[in-house]
N, C-alpha and C. Protein backbone atom coordinates (compact mmCIF):
# COMPACT_ATOMS: atom_id res chain seq x y z
N MET A 1 22.77 -8.78 -12.05
CA MET A 1 23.78 -8.67 -10.21
C MET A 1 22.11 -10.21 -10.79
N ALA A 2 22.92 -11.50 -9.31
CA ALA A 2 22.11 -12.52 -9.98
C ALA A 2 21.45 -12.38 -8.45
N VAL A 3 19.86 -12.91 -9.14
CA VAL A 3 18.78 -12.89 -7.68
C VAL A 3 19.16 -14.09 -6.90
N LYS A 4 19.49 -13.19 -5.41
CA LYS A 4 19.22 -14.05 -4.63
C LYS A 4 18.13 -15.22 -3.82
N ARG A 5 18.03 -16.89 -3.50
CA ARG A 5 17.31 -17.12 -3.29
C ARG A 5 17.51 -17.92 -1.70
N TYR A 6 16.54 -17.85 -0.87
CA TYR A 6 16.07 -17.94 -0.31
C TYR A 6 15.50 -19.00 0.26
N PRO A 7 15.92 -20.16 1.25
CA PRO A 7 15.50 -21.24 1.10
C PRO A 7 13.98 -21.52 2.22
N ARG A 8 13.16 -21.65 1.77
CA ARG A 8 11.88 -22.22 1.77
C ARG A 8 11.51 -21.71 3.43
N LYS A 9 11.91 -22.31 4.06
CA LYS A 9 11.88 -22.32 6.04
C LYS A 9 12.05 -20.20 5.91
N VAL A 10 13.33 -20.45 6.12
CA VAL A 10 13.40 -18.26 5.43
C VAL A 10 12.16 -17.59 5.13
N ARG A 11 11.93 -18.19 4.39
CA ARG A 11 10.36 -17.31 4.26
C ARG A 11 9.68 -17.43 4.26
N ASP A 12 9.09 -18.90 5.02
CA ASP A 12 7.68 -18.99 5.50
C ASP A 12 8.18 -18.65 7.47
N GLU A 13 9.58 -18.27 7.37
CA GLU A 13 8.97 -17.76 9.39
C GLU A 13 8.83 -15.67 8.74
N ILE A 14 9.99 -15.54 7.52
CA ILE A 14 9.53 -13.87 7.56
C ILE A 14 8.30 -13.69 7.01
N VAL A 15 7.15 -14.21 6.29
CA VAL A 15 5.76 -13.99 6.03
C VAL A 15 4.87 -14.69 7.13
N ALA A 16 5.14 -14.56 8.63
CA ALA A 16 4.83 -15.53 9.41
C ALA A 16 5.14 -15.09 10.85
N ARG A 17 5.64 -13.85 11.56
CA ARG A 17 6.38 -12.71 11.52
C ARG A 17 5.86 -11.48 11.13
N VAL A 18 5.89 -11.02 10.10
CA VAL A 18 4.59 -10.09 9.04
C VAL A 18 3.32 -10.48 9.56
N LYS A 19 3.21 -11.65 9.26
CA LYS A 19 1.48 -11.63 10.06
C LYS A 19 1.68 -11.87 11.64
N ALA A 20 3.08 -11.29 12.13
CA ALA A 20 1.79 -11.34 13.15
C ALA A 20 1.70 -10.11 14.49
N GLY A 21 3.14 -9.08 13.00
CA GLY A 21 2.92 -7.69 13.55
C GLY A 21 4.00 -7.33 13.19
N GLU A 22 5.23 -8.17 13.06
CA GLU A 22 5.99 -7.35 13.26
C GLU A 22 6.66 -6.47 11.74
N LYS A 23 7.29 -5.62 11.59
CA LYS A 23 7.79 -4.60 10.62
C LYS A 23 8.01 -4.75 9.53
N VAL A 24 8.11 -5.37 8.75
CA VAL A 24 8.67 -5.11 7.02
C VAL A 24 9.69 -5.53 6.81
N MET A 25 10.47 -3.47 7.69
CA MET A 25 11.65 -2.55 7.58
C MET A 25 12.58 -3.07 7.94
N ASP A 26 11.66 -3.61 8.95
CA ASP A 26 12.48 -4.52 10.37
C ASP A 26 13.35 -6.45 10.10
N LEU A 27 12.87 -6.52 9.75
CA LEU A 27 13.17 -8.39 9.53
C LEU A 27 13.55 -8.03 8.35
N ALA A 28 13.28 -7.19 6.75
CA ALA A 28 13.43 -7.17 5.61
C ALA A 28 16.11 -6.18 6.12
N ASN A 29 15.11 -5.14 7.35
CA ASN A 29 16.82 -5.49 8.05
C ASN A 29 17.81 -6.90 8.56
N GLN A 30 16.93 -7.26 9.32
CA GLN A 30 17.77 -7.91 10.26
C GLN A 30 18.06 -8.84 9.43
N TYR A 31 16.88 -9.49 8.05
CA TYR A 31 18.18 -10.66 7.06
C TYR A 31 18.48 -10.04 6.03
N GLY A 32 19.06 -9.12 5.73
CA GLY A 32 19.56 -8.11 4.90
C GLY A 32 19.48 -8.88 3.20
N MET A 33 18.06 -8.18 3.61
CA MET A 33 17.28 -8.26 2.06
C MET A 33 16.52 -7.27 2.47
N SER A 34 15.71 -6.80 0.72
CA SER A 34 15.23 -6.03 -0.04
C SER A 34 14.04 -6.32 1.67
N ASP A 35 13.70 -5.05 1.27
CA ASP A 35 11.63 -5.42 1.97
C ASP A 35 10.78 -5.33 1.16
N ARG A 36 11.11 -5.45 -0.66
CA ARG A 36 10.56 -5.49 -1.69
C ARG A 36 9.79 -6.88 -1.93
N VAL A 37 11.45 -8.08 -1.92
CA VAL A 37 11.39 -9.20 -1.23
C VAL A 37 10.35 -9.96 0.00
N ILE A 38 10.04 -9.53 0.67
CA ILE A 38 9.47 -9.50 1.48
C ILE A 38 7.59 -9.55 1.43
N TYR A 39 7.49 -7.60 0.80
CA TYR A 39 6.43 -7.52 -0.17
C TYR A 39 5.83 -8.34 -1.08
N ASN A 40 6.89 -9.00 -1.76
CA ASN A 40 6.31 -10.07 -2.89
C ASN A 40 6.26 -11.37 -2.20
N TRP A 41 6.36 -11.79 -2.10
CA TRP A 41 5.71 -12.80 -0.79
C TRP A 41 4.82 -12.79 -0.13
N LEU A 42 4.65 -12.03 -0.07
CA LEU A 42 3.24 -11.61 1.03
C LEU A 42 2.39 -11.46 0.34
N ARG A 43 2.54 -11.00 -1.33
CA ARG A 43 1.92 -11.18 -2.68
C ARG A 43 1.69 -11.93 -2.22
N ASP A 44 2.15 -13.13 -3.19
CA ASP A 44 2.12 -14.27 -3.20
C ASP A 44 1.31 -15.49 -2.33
N ASP A 45 1.35 -15.20 -1.12
CA ASP A 45 0.62 -15.58 0.05
C ASP A 45 -0.31 -16.22 0.60
N SER A 46 -0.67 -14.86 -0.10
CA SER A 46 -2.39 -14.30 -0.12
C SER A 46 -3.33 -14.64 -1.37
N GLY A 47 -2.67 -14.92 -1.89
CA GLY A 47 -3.34 -15.63 -3.04
C GLY A 47 -4.42 -15.19 -4.39
N ASP A 48 -4.52 -13.83 -3.50
CA ASP A 48 -4.96 -13.29 -4.78
C ASP A 48 -4.23 -12.64 -5.33
N GLU A 49 -4.86 -11.56 -6.54
CA GLU A 49 -4.13 -10.52 -6.88
C GLU A 49 -4.16 -9.31 -6.67
N SER A 50 -3.07 -9.34 -5.60
CA SER A 50 -2.97 -8.23 -4.85
C SER A 50 -1.93 -6.82 -5.11
N PRO A 51 -2.46 -6.13 -5.75
CA PRO A 51 -1.56 -5.23 -6.75
C PRO A 51 0.09 -5.90 -5.47
N SER A 52 0.35 -4.97 -6.54
CA SER A 52 2.49 -4.50 -5.53
C SER A 52 2.24 -3.47 -4.27
N TYR A 53 3.46 -3.52 -3.16
CA TYR A 53 3.60 -2.61 -3.15
C TYR A 53 3.59 -1.08 -4.19
N SER A 54 4.07 -0.50 -5.16
CA SER A 54 3.92 0.46 -5.73
C SER A 54 2.99 0.70 -6.17
N LYS A 55 2.63 0.21 -6.49
CA LYS A 55 0.94 -0.35 -7.56
C LYS A 55 0.42 -0.23 -6.56
N TYR A 56 -0.18 -0.53 -4.71
CA TYR A 56 -0.59 -0.15 -3.71
C TYR A 56 -0.17 2.09 -3.25
N ASN A 57 0.46 1.66 -3.18
CA ASN A 57 0.75 3.12 -3.06
C ASN A 57 0.27 4.34 -4.08
N LYS A 58 0.83 4.11 -5.00
CA LYS A 58 0.07 4.28 -6.66
C LYS A 58 -1.83 4.99 -6.73
N LEU A 59 -2.28 3.73 -5.70
CA LEU A 59 -3.03 4.04 -5.72
C LEU A 59 -3.70 4.40 -4.37
N LYS A 60 -3.90 4.99 -3.95
CA LYS A 60 -3.65 5.12 -2.65
C LYS A 60 -3.15 6.42 -2.73
N LYS A 61 -1.54 7.63 -3.51
CA LYS A 61 -2.17 8.40 -3.87
C LYS A 61 -2.86 9.78 -4.88
N GLU A 62 -4.10 8.60 -5.07
CA GLU A 62 -4.77 8.62 -6.14
C GLU A 62 -6.27 8.26 -5.89
N ASN A 63 -6.50 7.71 -4.51
CA ASN A 63 -7.03 8.17 -3.52
C ASN A 63 -6.67 9.38 -2.64
N GLU A 64 -6.15 9.92 -2.70
CA GLU A 64 -6.16 10.78 -1.84
C GLU A 64 -6.58 11.61 -3.32
N GLN A 65 -6.01 11.74 -3.56
CA GLN A 65 -6.26 12.89 -4.67
C GLN A 65 -8.02 13.17 -4.80
N LEU A 66 -8.10 11.83 -5.33
CA LEU A 66 -10.49 11.76 -5.19
C LEU A 66 -10.62 12.28 -4.54
N LYS A 67 -10.47 12.41 -3.30
CA LYS A 67 -11.51 13.08 -1.95
C LYS A 67 -11.28 13.85 -1.64
N TRP A 68 -9.59 14.29 -2.04
CA TRP A 68 -9.79 16.41 -1.75
C TRP A 68 -10.42 17.53 -3.42
N LEU A 69 -10.06 16.41 -3.90
CA LEU A 69 -10.97 16.62 -5.67
C LEU A 69 -12.71 17.31 -4.96
N VAL A 70 -13.36 15.55 -5.20
CA VAL A 70 -14.77 15.28 -3.72
C VAL A 70 -14.97 16.40 -3.55
N GLY A 71 -14.14 16.67 -2.66
CA GLY A 71 -14.14 17.48 -1.18
C GLY A 71 -14.31 19.11 -2.50
N GLU A 72 -13.43 19.77 -2.64
CA GLU A 72 -13.52 21.27 -3.11
C GLU A 72 -15.29 20.69 -4.19
N LEU A 73 -15.35 20.53 -4.71
CA LEU A 73 -16.45 20.14 -6.03
C LEU A 73 -17.40 19.93 -4.72
N SER A 74 -17.11 19.86 -3.50
CA SER A 74 -18.42 19.89 -2.78
C SER A 74 -18.54 22.07 -2.79
N LEU A 75 -17.40 21.87 -2.42
CA LEU A 75 -17.55 23.17 -1.63
C LEU A 75 -17.94 23.93 -2.55
N LYS A 76 -18.04 24.19 -3.58
CA LYS A 76 -18.43 24.44 -4.99
C LYS A 76 -19.88 25.24 -5.19
N ILE A 77 -20.42 23.63 -4.74
CA ILE A 77 -21.70 23.16 -5.29
C ILE A 77 -22.11 24.24 -3.78
N THR A 78 -21.55 24.00 -2.59
CA THR A 78 -22.27 24.41 -1.59
C THR A 78 -22.24 26.12 -1.65
N ARG A 79 -21.09 26.49 -1.72
CA ARG A 79 -20.72 28.13 -2.37
C ARG A 79 -22.74 28.60 -3.58
N GLY A 80 -21.98 27.71 -4.62
CA GLY A 80 -22.92 28.20 -5.66
C GLY A 80 -25.11 28.44 -5.10
N GLU A 81 -24.75 27.53 -4.13
CA GLU A 81 -26.41 26.51 -3.84
C GLU A 81 -26.94 27.68 -2.74
N LYS A 82 -26.00 28.83 -2.37
CA LYS A 82 -26.19 29.46 -0.65
C LYS A 82 -25.78 31.11 -1.71
N ASP A 83 -24.96 31.21 -3.30
CA ASP A 83 -25.36 32.32 -4.07
C ASP A 83 -26.65 32.33 -4.47
N ARG A 84 -26.71 31.38 -5.09
CA ARG A 84 -28.43 31.20 -5.64
C ARG A 84 -29.68 32.09 -4.61
N ASP A 85 -29.02 31.28 -3.12
CA ASP A 85 -30.74 31.01 -1.68
C ASP A 85 -30.22 32.84 -1.27
N ARG A 86 -29.70 33.58 -1.65
CA ARG A 86 -28.70 35.44 -1.75
C ARG A 86 -29.75 36.13 -2.15
N ASN A 87 -30.18 35.65 -3.77
CA ASN A 87 -30.88 36.46 -5.06
C ASN A 87 -32.54 36.48 -4.98
């Protein structure tokens, strides 16, 4: 499958619209392109080494799992201290 190229003017317009608050999915549908294309443009436009959208979602899920684990461990520690106080 050939990679479709978009004019710089279109790219700049879409990036500006996303930064102004429009949704990526809405713009992707409007322009008939993948949302990944737009996310890549946003990453490139940011000028830093931001993670890709899929990497971001993976990190977000990992963060949620770690928060849950910290909560569980905190509960166990708290319960353990209460059990010791009863003795």
